Protein backbone atom coordinates (compact mmCIF):
# COMPACT_ATOMS: atom_id res chain seq x y z
CA ASP A 1 139.39 156.63 191.43
CA ALA A 2 138.27 159.98 189.76
CA SER A 3 141.08 161.92 191.68
CA VAL A 4 143.63 159.78 190.09
CA VAL A 5 142.13 160.03 186.71
CA ARG A 6 141.98 163.70 187.01
CA HIS A 7 145.60 163.87 188.28
CA LEU A 8 146.90 161.79 185.27
CA LEU A 9 144.94 163.13 182.60
CA SER A 10 144.23 166.60 183.49
CA GLU A 11 146.15 168.30 186.11
CA SER A 12 149.63 166.70 185.67
CA ALA A 13 149.39 165.30 182.10
CA LEU A 14 152.69 166.59 180.74
CA LYS A 15 154.61 164.93 183.51
CA TYR A 16 153.85 161.42 181.97
CA ASP A 17 155.01 160.19 178.75
CA LYS A 18 153.51 157.50 176.73
CA GLY A 19 157.14 156.05 176.20
CA ILE A 20 157.71 152.92 173.99
CA LEU A 21 154.06 152.25 173.52
CA ALA A 22 153.66 155.36 171.45
CA ASP A 23 156.83 154.48 169.37
CA ILE A 24 155.58 150.88 169.02
CA LEU A 25 152.01 151.67 167.99
CA GLU A 26 152.88 154.71 165.73
CA PRO A 27 153.69 152.52 162.42
CA ILE A 28 150.26 151.11 162.78
CA MET A 29 148.08 153.89 164.22
CA GLY A 30 149.90 156.87 162.95
CA GLN A 31 148.65 159.94 164.81
CA GLY A 32 145.66 158.02 166.25
CA LEU A 33 144.27 158.84 169.62
CA ILE A 34 146.59 156.36 171.52
CA PRO A 35 149.98 157.12 170.17
CA ALA A 36 149.26 160.86 169.32
CA ASP A 37 151.10 163.77 171.00
CA LEU A 38 149.12 166.02 173.46
CA ASN A 39 148.00 168.55 170.95
CA THR A 40 146.93 166.34 168.38
CA TRP A 41 145.33 164.15 170.99
CA GLN A 42 143.27 167.14 172.32
CA GLY A 43 142.09 168.29 168.96
CA ARG A 44 141.15 164.77 167.59
CA ARG A 45 139.15 163.99 171.02
CA ARG A 46 137.17 167.02 170.61
CA ALA A 47 136.40 166.30 167.11
CA VAL A 48 135.54 162.46 167.82
CA VAL A 49 133.40 162.67 170.97
CA PRO A 50 130.21 164.19 169.37
CA GLY A 51 129.92 160.95 167.26
CA PHE A 52 129.08 159.01 170.41
CA HIS A 53 125.72 160.67 171.08
CA THR A 54 122.62 159.27 172.34
CA ALA A 55 120.83 158.41 169.25
CA TRP A 56 123.75 156.67 167.88
CA LEU A 57 124.34 154.55 170.70
CA GLN A 58 120.79 153.40 170.98
CA GLN A 59 120.84 152.36 167.53
CA MET A 60 124.28 150.75 168.06
CA THR A 61 123.01 148.53 170.96
CA THR A 62 120.22 146.87 168.48
CA MET A 63 123.56 145.73 166.33
CA PHE A 64 125.35 144.79 169.33
CA GLY A 65 122.37 142.27 169.93
CA GLU A 66 122.68 141.03 166.54
CA CYS A 67 126.18 140.44 166.57
CA ALA A 68 125.65 138.57 169.96
CA ASP A 69 123.20 136.39 168.39
CA ARG A 70 125.30 135.27 165.74
CA MET A 71 128.23 134.51 168.26
CA THR A 72 125.59 132.46 170.34
CA ALA A 73 124.53 130.43 167.46
CA SER A 74 128.02 129.86 166.43
CA LEU A 75 128.64 128.47 170.19
CA ASP A 76 125.58 126.36 169.73
CA ALA A 77 126.81 124.81 166.41
CA ALA A 78 130.00 123.98 168.17
CA GLY A 79 128.06 121.45 170.18
CA ASP A 80 130.43 119.82 172.82
CA ASN A 81 133.62 120.96 171.01
CA THR A 82 136.29 123.17 173.01
CA VAL A 83 135.98 126.80 171.79
CA ASN A 84 138.26 129.38 172.55
CA MET A 85 136.34 132.12 174.08
CA GLU A 86 139.17 134.82 173.73
CA ALA A 87 139.39 134.12 170.00
CA MET A 88 135.45 134.12 169.80
CA PHE A 89 135.11 137.40 171.89
CA SER A 90 137.87 139.04 169.70
CA SER A 91 135.72 138.34 166.69
CA VAL A 92 132.56 139.41 167.69
CA ALA A 93 134.10 142.65 169.00
CA LEU A 94 135.82 143.02 165.71
CA ASP A 95 132.39 142.42 163.92
CA ILE A 96 130.70 145.29 166.19
CA ILE A 97 133.56 147.74 165.52
CA GLY A 98 133.60 146.95 161.74
CA LYS A 99 129.65 147.95 161.63
CA ALA A 100 129.57 150.64 164.02
CA VAL A 101 132.82 152.52 162.88
CA PHE A 102 132.95 151.63 159.30
CA ASN A 103 129.43 150.08 158.50
CA TYR A 104 131.32 147.04 157.15
CA ASP A 105 130.51 143.61 158.12
CA PHE A 106 133.74 141.30 158.83
CA ALA A 107 131.41 138.47 159.82
CA SER A 108 134.64 137.13 161.34
CA VAL A 109 132.52 134.98 163.91
CA GLU A 110 131.17 132.85 161.04
CA ASN A 111 133.98 133.24 158.39
CA GLN A 112 137.71 133.75 158.09
CA SER A 113 138.64 137.41 156.92
CA PRO A 114 141.86 138.28 155.43
CA VAL A 115 141.48 141.92 156.89
CA ILE A 116 140.90 140.44 160.35
CA ASP A 117 143.84 138.03 160.12
CA ALA A 118 146.08 140.99 159.04
CA VAL A 119 144.78 142.83 162.25
CA TYR A 120 145.74 139.88 164.53
CA ASN A 121 149.20 139.86 162.84
CA LEU A 122 149.86 143.39 163.52
CA MET A 123 148.68 143.11 167.08
CA GLN A 124 151.06 140.28 167.61
CA GLU A 125 153.99 142.11 165.97
CA ALA A 126 153.37 144.97 168.33
CA GLU A 127 153.46 142.64 171.15
CA HIS A 128 156.86 141.08 169.77
CA ARG A 129 158.28 144.65 169.63
CA SER A 130 157.44 145.59 173.20
CA PHE A 131 159.37 142.87 174.46
CA PHE A 132 162.46 142.89 172.08
CA LEU A 133 165.34 145.07 173.43
CA LEU A 134 166.66 145.96 170.19
CA PRO A 135 164.61 147.78 167.73
CA TYR A 136 165.81 145.87 164.58
CA TRP A 137 162.83 146.71 162.58
CA LYS A 138 164.12 150.33 162.50
CA VAL A 139 167.36 149.22 160.43
CA PRO A 140 166.72 150.23 156.92
CA VAL A 141 166.45 147.48 154.43
CA PHE A 142 166.95 144.79 157.05
CA GLY A 143 163.86 145.88 159.40
CA HIS A 144 161.84 148.22 156.95
CA ARG A 145 161.53 149.11 153.29
CA PHE A 146 164.24 151.73 152.15
CA LEU A 147 164.59 153.02 148.56
CA GLY A 148 162.01 150.26 147.42
CA ILE A 149 164.30 147.32 149.01
CA GLY A 150 163.38 145.37 151.89
CA PRO A 151 162.50 144.33 154.54
CA LEU A 152 164.50 141.34 154.71
CA VAL A 153 163.33 139.99 157.89
CA PRO A 154 160.59 137.77 157.02
CA ARG A 155 158.26 138.52 159.94
CA GLN A 156 158.59 142.45 159.06
CA ALA A 157 158.10 141.70 155.51
CA GLN A 158 154.74 140.14 156.73
CA PHE A 159 154.16 143.25 158.85
CA VAL A 160 154.36 145.46 155.85
CA SER A 161 152.05 143.19 153.82
CA ASP A 162 149.57 143.10 156.57
CA LEU A 163 149.65 146.78 157.20
CA ASP A 164 149.23 147.52 153.44
CA LEU A 165 146.12 145.13 153.42
CA VAL A 166 144.52 146.86 156.25
CA ASN A 167 145.39 150.55 155.01
CA VAL A 168 143.90 149.70 151.62
CA ALA A 169 140.63 148.37 153.12
CA LEU A 170 140.40 151.65 155.51
CA ASP A 171 141.23 153.90 152.85
CA THR A 172 138.70 152.57 150.51
CA LEU A 173 136.14 152.89 153.08
CA ILE A 174 137.01 156.48 153.91
CA ALA A 175 137.14 157.49 150.20
CA GLU A 176 133.65 156.08 149.68
CA ALA A 177 132.38 157.96 152.75
CA LEU A 178 133.94 161.12 151.61
CA GLN A 179 132.45 161.22 148.10
CA SER A 180 129.21 160.92 149.47
CA ARG A 181 129.35 163.43 152.07
CA SER A 182 126.35 165.22 153.30
CA GLU A 183 127.61 168.02 155.47
CA GLY A 184 125.68 169.20 158.55
CA ASP A 185 125.90 170.79 161.84
CA VAL A 186 126.40 168.44 164.89
CA GLU A 187 122.90 169.25 166.08
CA ALA A 188 121.51 168.20 162.78
CA LEU A 189 123.54 164.90 162.50
CA GLU A 190 122.49 163.91 166.15
CA ALA A 191 118.71 164.44 165.01
CA ARG A 192 118.85 161.91 162.08
CA ASP A 193 116.62 158.81 162.53
CA TYR A 194 119.73 156.37 162.68
CA SER A 195 117.27 153.23 162.49
CA LYS A 196 116.78 154.46 158.90
CA LEU A 197 120.20 155.29 157.56
CA GLU A 198 121.94 153.05 155.33
CA ASN A 199 125.09 154.10 156.69
CA PRO A 200 124.79 154.88 160.43
CA SER A 201 128.42 154.65 161.11
CA LEU A 202 130.71 156.82 163.15
CA LEU A 203 132.90 157.23 160.10
CA ARG A 204 129.63 158.71 158.27
CA PHE A 205 129.26 161.15 161.16
CA LEU A 206 132.67 162.29 161.36
CA VAL A 207 132.81 162.83 157.65
CA ASP A 208 129.58 164.72 157.48
CA MET A 209 129.96 167.09 160.41
CA ARG A 210 130.44 170.59 159.34
CA GLY A 211 133.70 172.25 160.27
CA ALA A 212 135.72 168.86 160.70
CA ASP A 213 139.07 169.48 159.20
CA ALA A 214 140.37 165.84 159.27
CA THR A 215 142.31 164.62 156.49
CA GLN A 216 141.96 161.18 155.08
CA THR A 217 145.05 160.08 156.86
CA GLN A 218 143.80 161.49 160.17
CA LEU A 219 140.58 159.74 159.69
CA ARG A 220 142.36 156.47 158.93
CA ASP A 221 144.71 156.94 162.08
CA ASP A 222 141.76 157.44 164.58
CA LEU A 223 139.63 154.71 163.13
CA MET A 224 142.49 152.33 162.89
CA THR A 225 143.14 153.06 166.67
CA MET A 226 139.44 152.53 167.46
CA MET A 227 139.53 149.06 165.53
CA ILE A 228 142.73 147.59 167.17
CA ALA A 229 142.61 148.96 170.69
CA GLY A 230 138.83 148.75 171.05
CA HIS A 231 138.22 145.22 170.02
CA GLU A 232 141.31 143.91 171.93
CA THR A 233 140.46 145.48 175.37
CA THR A 234 136.91 144.39 175.11
CA ALA A 235 137.67 140.81 174.35
CA ALA A 236 140.22 140.57 177.20
CA MET A 237 137.54 141.99 179.57
CA LEU A 238 134.90 139.49 178.15
CA THR A 239 137.21 136.62 178.55
CA TRP A 240 138.06 137.37 182.10
CA ALA A 241 134.55 137.99 183.11
CA THR A 242 133.73 134.59 181.36
CA PHE A 243 136.43 132.83 183.36
CA CYS A 244 135.41 134.46 186.80
CA LEU A 245 131.72 133.47 186.21
CA ALA A 246 132.56 129.94 185.24
CA THR A 247 134.61 129.46 188.38
CA THR A 248 131.98 131.05 190.84
CA PRO A 249 128.63 129.28 190.36
CA LEU A 250 126.91 131.24 192.82
CA GLU A 251 127.68 134.49 190.82
CA MET A 252 126.75 132.92 187.46
CA ALA A 253 123.38 131.96 189.04
CA LYS A 254 123.06 135.29 189.94
CA CYS A 255 123.68 136.63 186.53
CA GLN A 256 121.45 134.18 184.77
CA GLU A 257 118.55 135.11 186.98
CA GLU A 258 119.07 138.73 186.35
CA VAL A 259 119.31 138.21 182.52
CA ASP A 260 116.22 136.00 182.46
CA ARG A 261 114.28 138.42 184.65
CA VAL A 262 115.24 141.56 182.82
CA LEU A 263 114.78 139.93 179.45
CA GLN A 264 111.93 138.26 180.37
CA GLY A 265 113.15 134.90 179.64
């Protein structure tokens, strides 16, 4: 309902608070688009949106197909074995985000990745915190590192380790992009032939955009948000859609007919 969206996000945005969600996600996403305050969100949204232009999206759809082909090949290889489709969709979504946002191939559909494992662990910890009444992770030494000591709780120590691993990976990719920066106006960046670029990623666009004042930390926060929030919602939607189709043969047949017709077999 467009009127509800306009009321929530435009006309009465200051009446609503992100509450505990922002507090839980802040250690992971920093001042990314989800946990950020209104002023930060407005500035970063205006900075990020130009990156999703038509030429880039057209190139990304080709990559989406390539990642989908790898997923179907993995499913074919599974034969009659049971496959956890939620995990499969999460893997392919992360592979797509990795290539689209960072120009990095996690290849998690085919192989186990320490970075991907760390991302999953971070999301599980965020879910754990959302259901726990007492925020023990805020207690110095016991729940988080303080004066070089802690955390003493094993799952919080694992959280710190996982976050450090993901941060190192993201910081390395961002630093590499900054070192090879080729600044240009938005119009010039949009006119690039993305099919011929060695690095057509969103990160490349944001780094090269003239006038962009994002720090490495802000870029890390924005991109971490896209990686974590983007893959989980997509995987959940695909899982639910697959379940609905699997339990309604008539609708499944309609989808199969449309795919065969549009893609010509």
